[in-house]
Amino acid sequence: MTAFAGAIYCQYQMFISPDTVSGVNLSLQMVFAAVVGGLYVLLGPTVGAAITIVLTETLRIPFGTAAVGWDNLVYGALLVVFIIFLPQGLVGSLRLKPARA
């Protein structure tokens, strides 16, 4: 299935280089999505991916070409805040929250 998806992606792009398929930015985005959502939680990486993609696109659109790189700065700062204050991630923290009676 992975090879089939890769072949279709190659036909779609008409060019593949190692940087576009498995570059540092893509690898870091995958790791940060898992950390933000929550490690060792079933839906953690999925929720984290949705949050990080929405956050990246929301920050990229207003900054545009006027301030290139500022969206990455805000994105990185928010990820550091998530890692410091929510070490279990968002889904992991919600799961560990005790129920009130």
PDB file of N, CA and C in Angstrom:
ATOM      1  N   MET A   1       0.830  -1.189   0.000  1.00  0.00           N
ATOM      2  CA  MET A   1       0.000   0.000   0.000  1.00  0.00           C
ATOM      3  C   MET A   1       0.876   1.256   0.000  1.00  0.00           C
ATOM      4  N   THR A   2       1.963   1.221   0.765  1.00  0.00           N
ATOM      5  CA  THR A   2       2.842   2.383   0.805  1.00  0.00           C
ATOM      6  C   THR A   2       3.511   2.609  -0.543  1.00  0.00           C
ATOM      7  N   ALA A   3       3.960   1.531  -1.171  1.00  0.00           N
ATOM      8  CA  ALA A   3       4.592   1.655  -2.480  1.00  0.00           C
ATOM      9  C   ALA A   3       3.600   2.161  -3.521  1.00  0.00           C
ATOM     10  N   PHE A   4       2.375   1.688  -3.462  1.00  0.00           N
ATOM     11  CA  PHE A   4       1.341   2.135  -4.390  1.00  0.00           C
ATOM     12  C   PHE A   4       1.048   3.622  -4.196  1.00  0.00           C
ATOM     13  N   ALA A   5       0.917   4.040  -2.938  1.00  0.00           N
ATOM     14  CA  ALA A   5       0.669   5.458  -2.652  1.00  0.00           C
ATOM     15  C   ALA A   5       1.860   6.308  -3.101  1.00  0.00           C
ATOM     16  N   GLY A   6       3.076   5.806  -2.900  1.00  0.00           N
ATOM     17  CA  GLY A   6       4.258   6.537  -3.346  1.00  0.00           C
ATOM     18  C   GLY A   6       4.321   6.671  -4.858  1.00  0.00           C
ATOM     19  N   ALA A   7       3.930   5.619  -5.567  1.00  0.00           N
ATOM     20  CA  ALA A   7       3.923   5.675  -7.034  1.00  0.00           C
ATOM     21  C   ALA A   7       2.896   6.684  -7.535  1.00  0.00           C
ATOM     22  N   ILE A   8       1.730   6.709  -6.910  1.00  0.00           N
ATOM     23  CA  ILE A   8       0.697   7.681  -7.308  1.00  0.00           C
ATOM     24  C   ILE A   8       1.166   9.103  -6.994  1.00  0.00           C
ATOM     25  N   TYR A   9       1.789   9.284  -5.838  1.00  0.00           N
ATOM     26  CA  TYR A   9       2.304  10.611  -5.465  1.00  0.00           C
ATOM     27  C   TYR A   9       3.382  11.060  -6.452  1.00  0.00           C
ATOM     28  N   CYS A  10       4.237  10.141  -6.873  1.00  0.00           N
ATOM     29  CA  CYS A  10       5.291  10.460  -7.836  1.00  0.00           C
ATOM     30  C   CYS A  10       4.690  10.877  -9.170  1.00  0.00           C
ATOM     31  N   GLN A  11       3.658  10.185  -9.605  1.00  0.00           N
ATOM     32  CA  GLN A  11       3.001  10.551 -10.857  1.00  0.00           C
ATOM     33  C   GLN A  11       2.308  11.910 -10.736  1.00  0.00           C
ATOM     34  N   TYR A  12       1.768  12.200  -9.577  1.00  0.00           N
ATOM     35  CA  TYR A  12       1.087  13.478  -9.354  1.00  0.00           C
ATOM     36  C   TYR A  12       2.090  14.634  -9.368  1.00  0.00           C
ATOM     37  N   GLN A  13       3.223  14.469  -8.675  1.00  0.00           N
ATOM     38  CA  GLN A  13       4.215  15.533  -8.572  1.00  0.00           C
ATOM     39  C   GLN A  13       5.103  15.641  -9.813  1.00  0.00           C
ATOM     40  N   MET A  14       5.283  14.535 -10.517  1.00  0.00           N
ATOM     41  CA  MET A  14       6.154  14.430 -11.683  1.00  0.00           C
ATOM     42  C   MET A  14       7.630  14.640 -11.333  1.00  0.00           C
ATOM     43  N   PHE A  15       7.944  14.784 -10.051  1.00  0.00           N
ATOM     44  CA  PHE A  15       9.324  14.912  -9.597  1.00  0.00           C
ATOM     45  C   PHE A  15       9.350  14.653  -8.102  1.00  0.00           C
ATOM     46  N   ILE A  16      10.275  13.835  -7.668  1.00  0.00           N
ATOM     47  CA  ILE A  16      10.417  13.566  -6.238  1.00  0.00           C
ATOM     48  C   ILE A  16      11.881  13.688  -5.866  1.00  0.00           C
ATOM     49  N   SER A  17      12.128  14.415  -4.803  1.00  0.00           N
ATOM     50  CA  SER A  17      13.474  14.508  -4.244  1.00  0.00           C
ATOM     51  C   SER A  17      13.387  14.146  -2.761  1.00  0.00           C
ATOM     52  N   PRO A  18      14.480  13.758  -2.165  1.00  0.00           N
ATOM     53  CA  PRO A  18      14.434  13.379  -0.746  1.00  0.00           C
ATOM     54  C   PRO A  18      13.944  14.495   0.171  1.00  0.00           C
ATOM     55  N   ASP A  19      14.208  15.741  -0.171  1.00  0.00           N
ATOM     56  CA  ASP A  19      13.773  16.846   0.684  1.00  0.00           C
ATOM     57  C   ASP A  19      12.262  17.015   0.705  1.00  0.00           C
ATOM     58  N   THR A  20      11.597  16.766  -0.417  1.00  0.00           N
ATOM     59  CA  THR A  20      10.148  16.945  -0.450  1.00  0.00           C
ATOM     60  C   THR A  20       9.410  15.778   0.188  1.00  0.00           C
ATOM     61  N   VAL A  21      10.012  14.604   0.194  1.00  0.00           N
ATOM     62  CA  VAL A  21       9.343  13.421   0.720  1.00  0.00           C
ATOM     63  C   VAL A  21       9.666  13.196   2.192  1.00  0.00           C
ATOM     64  N   SER A  22      10.915  13.382   2.569  1.00  0.00           N
ATOM     65  CA  SER A  22      11.297  13.092   3.957  1.00  0.00           C
ATOM     66  C   SER A  22      12.341  14.079   4.460  1.00  0.00           C
ATOM     67  N   GLY A  23      12.094  15.347   4.265  1.00  0.00           N
ATOM     68  CA  GLY A  23      13.018  16.370   4.719  1.00  0.00           C
ATOM     69  C   GLY A  23      12.895  16.605   6.217  1.00  0.00           C
ATOM     70  N   VAL A  24      13.733  17.478   6.720  1.00  0.00           N
ATOM     71  CA  VAL A  24      13.757  17.776   8.152  1.00  0.00           C
ATOM     72  C   VAL A  24      12.449  18.421   8.594  1.00  0.00           C
ATOM     73  N   ASN A  25      11.914  19.329   7.794  1.00  0.00           N
ATOM     74  CA  ASN A  25      10.666  20.003   8.179  1.00  0.00           C
ATOM     75  C   ASN A  25       9.513  19.020   8.313  1.00  0.00           C
ATOM     76  N   LEU A  26       9.400  18.105   7.372  1.00  0.00           N
ATOM     77  CA  LEU A  26       8.319  17.122   7.428  1.00  0.00           C
ATOM     78  C   LEU A  26       8.493  16.184   8.618  1.00  0.00           C
ATOM     79  N   SER A  27       9.728  15.768   8.887  1.00  0.00           N
ATOM     80  CA  SER A  27       9.990  14.882  10.024  1.00  0.00           C
ATOM     81  C   SER A  27       9.668  15.573  11.345  1.00  0.00           C
ATOM     82  N   LEU A  28      10.063  16.828  11.484  1.00  0.00           N
ATOM     83  CA  LEU A  28       9.767  17.574  12.711  1.00  0.00           C
ATOM     84  C   LEU A  28       8.270  17.817  12.865  1.00  0.00           C
ATOM     85  N   GLN A  29       7.580  18.060  11.775  1.00  0.00           N
ATOM     86  CA  GLN A  29       6.133  18.264  11.862  1.00  0.00           C
ATOM     87  C   GLN A  29       5.433  17.000  12.354  1.00  0.00           C
ATOM     88  N   MET A  30       5.899  15.829  11.919  1.00  0.00           N
ATOM     89  CA  MET A  30       5.299  14.576  12.384  1.00  0.00           C
ATOM     90  C   MET A  30       5.542  14.373  13.874  1.00  0.00           C
ATOM     91  N   VAL A  31       6.759  14.657  14.322  1.00  0.00           N
ATOM     92  CA  VAL A  31       7.082  14.486  15.744  1.00  0.00           C
ATOM     93  C   VAL A  31       6.288  15.473  16.588  1.00  0.00           C
ATOM     94  N   PHE A  32       6.236  16.738  16.178  1.00  0.00           N
ATOM     95  CA  PHE A  32       5.515  17.740  16.948  1.00  0.00           C
ATOM     96  C   PHE A  32       4.017  17.450  17.002  1.00  0.00           C
ATOM     97  N   ALA A  33       3.465  16.899  15.926  1.00  0.00           N
ATOM     98  CA  ALA A  33       2.046  16.547  15.940  1.00  0.00           C
ATOM     99  C   ALA A  33       1.771  15.476  16.985  1.00  0.00           C
ATOM    100  N   ALA A  34       2.645  14.496  17.077  1.00  0.00           N
ATOM    101  CA  ALA A  34       2.463  13.448  18.083  1.00  0.00           C
ATOM    102  C   ALA A  34       2.628  14.000  19.488  1.00  0.00           C
ATOM    103  N   VAL A  35       3.574  14.903  19.681  1.00  0.00           N
ATOM    104  CA  VAL A  35       3.806  15.469  21.014  1.00  0.00           C
ATOM    105  C   VAL A  35       2.642  16.350  21.437  1.00  0.00           C
ATOM    106  N   VAL A  36       2.141  17.183  20.556  1.00  0.00           N
ATOM    107  CA  VAL A  36       1.031  18.081  20.897  1.00  0.00           C
ATOM    108  C   VAL A  36      -0.236  17.289  21.191  1.00  0.00           C
ATOM    109  N   GLY A  37      -0.524  16.296  20.380  1.00  0.00           N
ATOM    110  CA  GLY A  37      -1.735  15.499  20.591  1.00  0.00           C
ATOM    111  C   GLY A  37      -1.638  14.611  21.808  1.00  0.00           C
ATOM    112  N   GLY A  38      -0.516  13.978  21.985  1.00  0.00           N
ATOM    113  CA  GLY A  38      -0.329  13.101  23.129  1.00  0.00           C
ATOM    114  C   GLY A  38       0.270  11.765  22.719  1.00  0.00           C
ATOM    115  N   LEU A  39       1.396  11.454  23.307  1.00  0.00           N
ATOM    116  CA  LEU A  39       2.030  10.167  23.062  1.00  0.00           C
ATOM    117  C   LEU A  39       1.311   9.096  23.869  1.00  0.00           C
ATOM    118  N   TYR A  40       1.319   7.885  23.380  1.00  0.00           N
ATOM    119  CA  TYR A  40       0.724   6.733  24.060  1.00  0.00           C
ATOM    120  C   TYR A  40      -0.792   6.853  24.224  1.00  0.00           C
ATOM    121  N   VAL A  41      -1.417   7.676  23.408  1.00  0.00           N
ATOM    122  CA  VAL A  41      -2.868   7.816  23.392  1.00  0.00           C
ATOM    123  C   VAL A  41      -3.314   7.503  21.968  1.00  0.00           C
ATOM    124  N   LEU A  42      -4.377   6.750  21.820  1.00  0.00           N
ATOM    125  CA  LEU A  42      -4.793   6.274  20.503  1.00  0.00           C
ATOM    126  C   LEU A  42      -5.050   7.414  19.517  1.00  0.00           C
ATOM    127  N   LEU A  43      -5.800   8.410  19.895  1.00  0.00           N
ATOM    128  CA  LEU A  43      -6.123   9.513  18.994  1.00  0.00           C
ATOM    129  C   LEU A  43      -5.183  10.703  19.130  1.00  0.00           C
ATOM    130  N   GLY A  44      -4.167  10.605  19.948  1.00  0.00           N
ATOM    131  CA  GLY A  44      -3.256  11.720  20.180  1.00  0.00           C
ATOM    132  C   GLY A  44      -2.592  12.260  18.920  1.00  0.00           C
ATOM    133  N   PRO A  45      -1.895  11.416  18.147  1.00  0.00           N
ATOM    134  CA  PRO A  45      -1.249  11.937  16.939  1.00  0.00           C
ATOM    135  C   PRO A  45      -2.229  12.490  15.901  1.00  0.00           C
ATOM    136  N   THR A  46      -3.416  11.918  15.818  1.00  0.00           N
ATOM    137  CA  THR A  46      -4.409  12.417  14.866  1.00  0.00           C
ATOM    138  C   THR A  46      -4.891  13.807  15.264  1.00  0.00           C
ATOM    139  N   VAL A  47      -5.211  13.973  16.530  1.00  0.00           N
ATOM    140  CA  VAL A  47      -5.641  15.284  17.027  1.00  0.00           C
ATOM    141  C   VAL A  47      -4.493  16.284  16.912  1.00  0.00           C
ATOM    142  N   GLY A  48      -3.290  15.856  17.251  1.00  0.00           N
ATOM    143  CA  GLY A  48      -2.120  16.724  17.155  1.00  0.00           C
ATOM    144  C   GLY A  48      -1.849  17.159  15.722  1.00  0.00           C
ATOM    145  N   ALA A  49      -2.012  16.250  14.768  1.00  0.00           N
ATOM    146  CA  ALA A  49      -1.803  16.601  13.365  1.00  0.00           C
ATOM    147  C   ALA A  49      -2.828  17.631  12.916  1.00  0.00           C
ATOM    148  N   ALA A  50      -4.078  17.443  13.303  1.00  0.00           N
ATOM    149  CA  ALA A  50      -5.112  18.414  12.932  1.00  0.00           C
ATOM    150  C   ALA A  50      -4.801  19.788  13.525  1.00  0.00           C
ATOM    151  N   ILE A  51      -4.380  19.812  14.775  1.00  0.00           N
ATOM    152  CA  ILE A  51      -4.084  21.086  15.434  1.00  0.00           C
ATOM    153  C   ILE A  51      -2.885  21.766  14.803  1.00  0.00           C
ATOM    154  N   THR A  52      -1.808  21.024  14.576  1.00  0.00           N
ATOM    155  CA  THR A  52      -0.599  21.651  14.043  1.00  0.00           C
ATOM    156  C   THR A  52      -0.782  22.116  12.599  1.00  0.00           C
ATOM    157  N   ILE A  53      -1.532  21.380  11.797  1.00  0.00           N
ATOM    158  CA  ILE A  53      -1.751  21.815  10.412  1.00  0.00           C
ATOM    159  C   ILE A  53      -2.628  23.058  10.374  1.00  0.00           C
ATOM    160  N   VAL A  54      -3.683  23.064  11.169  1.00  0.00           N
ATOM    161  CA  VAL A  54      -4.544  24.257  11.224  1.00  0.00           C
ATOM    162  C   VAL A  54      -3.757  25.448  11.752  1.00  0.00           C
ATOM    163  N   LEU A  55      -2.931  25.228  12.776  1.00  0.00           N
ATOM    164  CA  LEU A  55      -2.123  26.307  13.346  1.00  0.00           C
ATOM    165  C   LEU A  55      -1.117  26.838  12.332  1.00  0.00           C
ATOM    166  N   THR A  56      -0.438  25.941  11.631  1.00  0.00           N
ATOM    167  CA  THR A  56       0.550  26.361  10.637  1.00  0.00           C
ATOM    168  C   THR A  56      -0.092  27.178   9.523  1.00  0.00           C
ATOM    169  N   GLU A  57      -1.205  26.696   8.995  1.00  0.00           N
ATOM    170  CA  GLU A  57      -1.868  27.408   7.900  1.00  0.00           C
ATOM    171  C   GLU A  57      -2.491  28.709   8.371  1.00  0.00           C
ATOM    172  N   THR A  58      -3.031  28.726   9.581  1.00  0.00           N
ATOM    173  CA  THR A  58      -3.624  29.951  10.119  1.00  0.00           C
ATOM    174  C   THR A  58      -2.561  31.024  10.330  1.00  0.00           C
ATOM    175  N   LEU A  59      -1.369  30.620  10.752  1.00  0.00           N
ATOM    176  CA  LEU A  59      -0.297  31.590  10.948  1.00  0.00           C
ATOM    177  C   LEU A  59       0.357  32.006   9.632  1.00  0.00           C
ATOM    178  N   ARG A  60       0.437  31.099   8.676  1.00  0.00           N
ATOM    179  CA  ARG A  60       1.109  31.389   7.416  1.00  0.00           C
ATOM    180  C   ARG A  60       0.326  32.383   6.568  1.00  0.00           C
ATOM    181  N   ILE A  61      -0.989  32.282   6.574  1.00  0.00           N
ATOM    182  CA  ILE A  61      -1.814  33.126   5.704  1.00  0.00           C
ATOM    183  C   ILE A  61      -1.736  34.610   6.093  1.00  0.00           C
ATOM    184  N   PRO A  62      -1.888  34.995   7.375  1.00  0.00           N
ATOM    185  CA  PRO A  62      -1.817  36.436   7.681  1.00  0.00           C
ATOM    186  C   PRO A  62      -0.423  37.027   7.478  1.00  0.00           C
ATOM    187  N   PHE A  63       0.633  36.247   7.784  1.00  0.00           N
ATOM    188  CA  PHE A  63       1.983  36.789   7.638  1.00  0.00           C
ATOM    189  C   PHE A  63       2.381  36.877   6.171  1.00  0.00           C
ATOM    190  N   GLY A  64       2.009  35.894   5.366  1.00  0.00           N
ATOM    191  CA  GLY A  64       2.293  35.902   3.936  1.00  0.00           C
ATOM    192  C   GLY A  64       3.760  36.136   3.632  1.00  0.00           C
ATOM    193  N   THR A  65       4.030  37.016   2.684  1.00  0.00           N
ATOM    194  CA  THR A  65       5.412  37.308   2.305  1.00  0.00           C
ATOM    195  C   THR A  65       5.956  38.539   3.018  1.00  0.00           C
ATOM    196  N   ALA A  66       5.122  39.207   3.808  1.00  0.00           N
ATOM    197  CA  ALA A  66       5.580  40.405   4.506  1.00  0.00           C
ATOM    198  C   ALA A  66       6.572  40.075   5.615  1.00  0.00           C
ATOM    199  N   ALA A  67       6.374  38.975   6.284  1.00  0.00           N
ATOM    200  CA  ALA A  67       7.263  38.582   7.383  1.00  0.00           C
ATOM    201  C   ALA A  67       7.566  37.098   7.250  1.00  0.00           C
ATOM    202  N   VAL A  68       8.447  36.760   6.337  1.00  0.00           N
ATOM    203  CA  VAL A  68       8.774  35.364   6.076  1.00  0.00           C
ATOM    204  C   VAL A  68       9.492  34.787   7.298  1.00  0.00           C
ATOM    205  N   GLY A  69       8.998  33.664   7.796  1.00  0.00           N
ATOM    206  CA  GLY A  69       9.618  32.997   8.934  1.00  0.00           C
ATOM    207  C   GLY A  69       8.955  33.287  10.269  1.00  0.00           C
ATOM    208  N   TRP A  70       8.153  34.331  10.357  1.00  0.00           N
ATOM    209  CA  TRP A  70       7.500  34.658  11.619  1.00  0.00           C
ATOM    210  C   TRP A  70       6.463  33.613  11.999  1.00  0.00           C
ATOM    211  N   ASP A  71       5.811  33.025  11.018  1.00  0.00           N
ATOM    212  CA  ASP A  71       4.845  31.981  11.324  1.00  0.00           C
ATOM    213  C   ASP A  71       5.537  30.787  11.978  1.00  0.00           C
ATOM    214  N   ASN A  72       6.725  30.458  11.522  1.00  0.00           N
ATOM    215  CA  ASN A  72       7.483  29.363  12.139  1.00  0.00           C
ATOM    216  C   ASN A  72       7.928  29.709  13.551  1.00  0.00           C
ATOM    217  N   LEU A  73       8.257  30.978  13.790  1.00  0.00           N
ATOM    218  CA  LEU A  73       8.648  31.406  15.135  1.00  0.00           C
ATOM    219  C   LEU A  73       7.491  31.261  16.118  1.00  0.00           C
ATOM    220  N   VAL A  74       6.309  31.725  15.735  1.00  0.00           N
ATOM    221  CA  VAL A  74       5.134  31.608  16.604  1.00  0.00           C
ATOM    222  C   VAL A  74       4.764  30.143  16.799  1.00  0.00           C
ATOM    223  N   TYR A  75       4.825  29.373  15.717  1.00  0.00           N
ATOM    224  CA  TYR A  75       4.526  27.939  15.765  1.00  0.00           C
ATOM    225  C   TYR A  75       5.476  27.233  16.733  1.00  0.00           C
ATOM    226  N   GLY A  76       6.762  27.511  16.642  1.00  0.00           N
ATOM    227  CA  GLY A  76       7.751  26.897  17.531  1.00  0.00           C
ATOM    228  C   GLY A  76       7.562  27.310  18.981  1.00  0.00           C
ATOM    229  N   ALA A  77       7.266  28.583  19.217  1.00  0.00           N
ATOM    230  CA  ALA A  77       7.040  29.047  20.591  1.00  0.00           C
ATOM    231  C   ALA A  77       5.821  28.370  21.206  1.00  0.00           C
ATOM    232  N   LEU A  78       4.748  28.228  20.432  1.00  0.00           N
ATOM    233  CA  LEU A  78       3.559  27.552  20.949  1.00  0.00           C
ATOM    234  C   LEU A  78       3.836  26.076  21.232  1.00  0.00           C
ATOM    235  N   LEU A  79       4.652  25.443  20.419  1.00  0.00           N
ATOM    236  CA  LEU A  79       4.992  24.048  20.666  1.00  0.00           C
ATOM    237  C   LEU A  79       5.809  23.891  21.938  1.00  0.00           C
ATOM    238  N   VAL A  80       6.726  24.824  22.197  1.00  0.00           N
ATOM    239  CA  VAL A  80       7.496  24.780  23.434  1.00  0.00           C
ATOM    240  C   VAL A  80       6.571  24.950  24.629  1.00  0.00           C
ATOM    241  N   VAL A  81       5.598  25.844  24.532  1.00  0.00           N
ATOM    242  CA  VAL A  81       4.629  26.037  25.617  1.00  0.00           C
ATOM    243  C   VAL A  81       3.829  24.757  25.844  1.00  0.00           C
ATOM    244  N   PHE A  82       3.398  24.103  24.762  1.00  0.00           N
ATOM    245  CA  PHE A  82       2.669  22.837  24.890  1.00  0.00           C
ATOM    246  C   PHE A  82       3.532  21.786  25.582  1.00  0.00           C
ATOM    247  N   ILE A  83       4.785  21.690  25.197  1.00  0.00           N
ATOM    248  CA  ILE A  83       5.665  20.665  25.763  1.00  0.00           C
ATOM    249  C   ILE A  83       5.936  20.930  27.236  1.00  0.00           C
ATOM    250  N   ILE A  84       6.089  22.185  27.628  1.00  0.00           N
ATOM    251  CA  ILE A  84       6.375  22.506  29.025  1.00  0.00           C
ATOM    252  C   ILE A  84       5.146  22.314  29.908  1.00  0.00           C
ATOM    253  N   PHE A  85       4.000  22.830  29.486  1.00  0.00           N
ATOM    254  CA  PHE A  85       2.828  22.827  30.351  1.00  0.00           C
ATOM    255  C   PHE A  85       1.902  21.630  30.161  1.00  0.00           C
ATOM    256  N   LEU A  86       1.996  20.929  29.037  1.00  0.00           N
ATOM    257  CA  LEU A  86       1.180  19.739  28.802  1.00  0.00           C
ATOM    258  C   LEU A  86       2.082  18.601  28.322  1.00  0.00           C
ATOM    259  N   PRO A  87       2.888  18.025  29.206  1.00  0.00           N
ATOM    260  CA  PRO A  87       3.825  16.980  28.759  1.00  0.00           C
ATOM    261  C   PRO A  87       3.128  15.722  28.241  1.00  0.00           C
ATOM    262  N   GLN A  88       1.879  15.477  28.628  1.00  0.00           N
ATOM    263  CA  GLN A  88       1.144  14.317  28.112  1.00  0.00           C
ATOM    264  C   GLN A  88       0.415  14.647  26.816  1.00  0.00           C
ATOM    265  N   GLY A  89       0.485  15.873  26.362  1.00  0.00           N
ATOM    266  CA  GLY A  89      -0.243  16.298  25.174  1.00  0.00           C
ATOM    267  C   GLY A  89      -1.665  16.675  25.535  1.00  0.00           C
ATOM    268  N   LEU A  90      -2.408  17.160  24.565  1.00  0.00           N
ATOM    269  CA  LEU A  90      -3.782  17.601  24.825  1.00  0.00           C
ATOM    270  C   LEU A  90      -4.709  16.444  25.157  1.00  0.00           C
ATOM    271  N   VAL A  91      -4.697  15.408  24.336  1.00  0.00           N
ATOM    272  CA  VAL A  91      -5.595  14.277  24.569  1.00  0.00           C
ATOM    273  C   VAL A  91      -5.194  13.528  25.829  1.00  0.00           C
ATOM    274  N   GLY A  92      -3.898  13.365  26.069  1.00  0.00           N
ATOM    275  CA  GLY A  92      -3.433  12.696  27.274  1.00  0.00           C
ATOM    276  C   GLY A  92      -3.800  13.458  28.532  1.00  0.00           C
ATOM    277  N   SER A  93      -3.728  14.775  28.487  1.00  0.00           N
ATOM    278  CA  SER A  93      -4.111  15.573  29.655  1.00  0.00           C
ATOM    279  C   SER A  93      -5.613  15.510  29.928  1.00  0.00           C
ATOM    280  N   LEU A  94      -6.414  15.496  28.874  1.00  0.00           N
ATOM    281  CA  LEU A  94      -7.853  15.391  29.075  1.00  0.00           C
ATOM    282  C   LEU A  94      -8.238  14.025  29.613  1.00  0.00           C
ATOM    283  N   ARG A  95      -7.517  13.002  29.185  1.00  0.00           N
ATOM    284  CA  ARG A  95      -7.810  11.643  29.651  1.00  0.00           C
ATOM    285  C   ARG A  95      -7.432  11.454  31.119  1.00  0.00           C
ATOM    286  N   LEU A  96      -6.368  12.112  31.562  1.00  0.00           N
ATOM    287  CA  LEU A  96      -5.912  11.964  32.937  1.00  0.00           C
ATOM    288  C   LEU A  96      -6.625  12.885  33.912  1.00  0.00           C
ATOM    289  N   LYS A  97      -7.440  13.798  33.414  1.00  0.00           N
ATOM    290  CA  LYS A  97      -8.152  14.752  34.267  1.00  0.00           C
ATOM    291  C   LYS A  97      -9.198  14.009  35.089  1.00  0.00           C
ATOM    292  N   PRO A  98      -9.164  14.136  36.425  1.00  0.00           N
ATOM    293  CA  PRO A  98     -10.146  13.422  37.242  1.00  0.00           C
ATOM    294  C   PRO A  98     -11.549  14.016  37.070  1.00  0.00           C
ATOM    295  N   ALA A  99     -12.534  13.152  37.117  1.00  0.00           N
ATOM    296  CA  ALA A  99     -13.934  13.583  36.990  1.00  0.00           C
ATOM    297  C   ALA A  99     -14.399  14.202  38.298  1.00  0.00           C
ATOM    298  N   ARG A 100     -15.174  15.263  38.182  1.00  0.00           N
ATOM    299  CA  ARG A 100     -15.724  15.912  39.383  1.00  0.00           C
ATOM    300  C   ARG A 100     -17.047  15.255  39.747  1.00  0.00           C
ATOM    301  N   ALA A 101     -17.294  15.168  41.031  1.00  0.00           N
ATOM    302  CA  ALA A 101     -18.529  14.534  41.500  1.00  0.00           C
ATOM    303  C   ALA A 101     -19.622  15.543  41.722  1.00  0.00           C
TER     304      ALA A 101
END
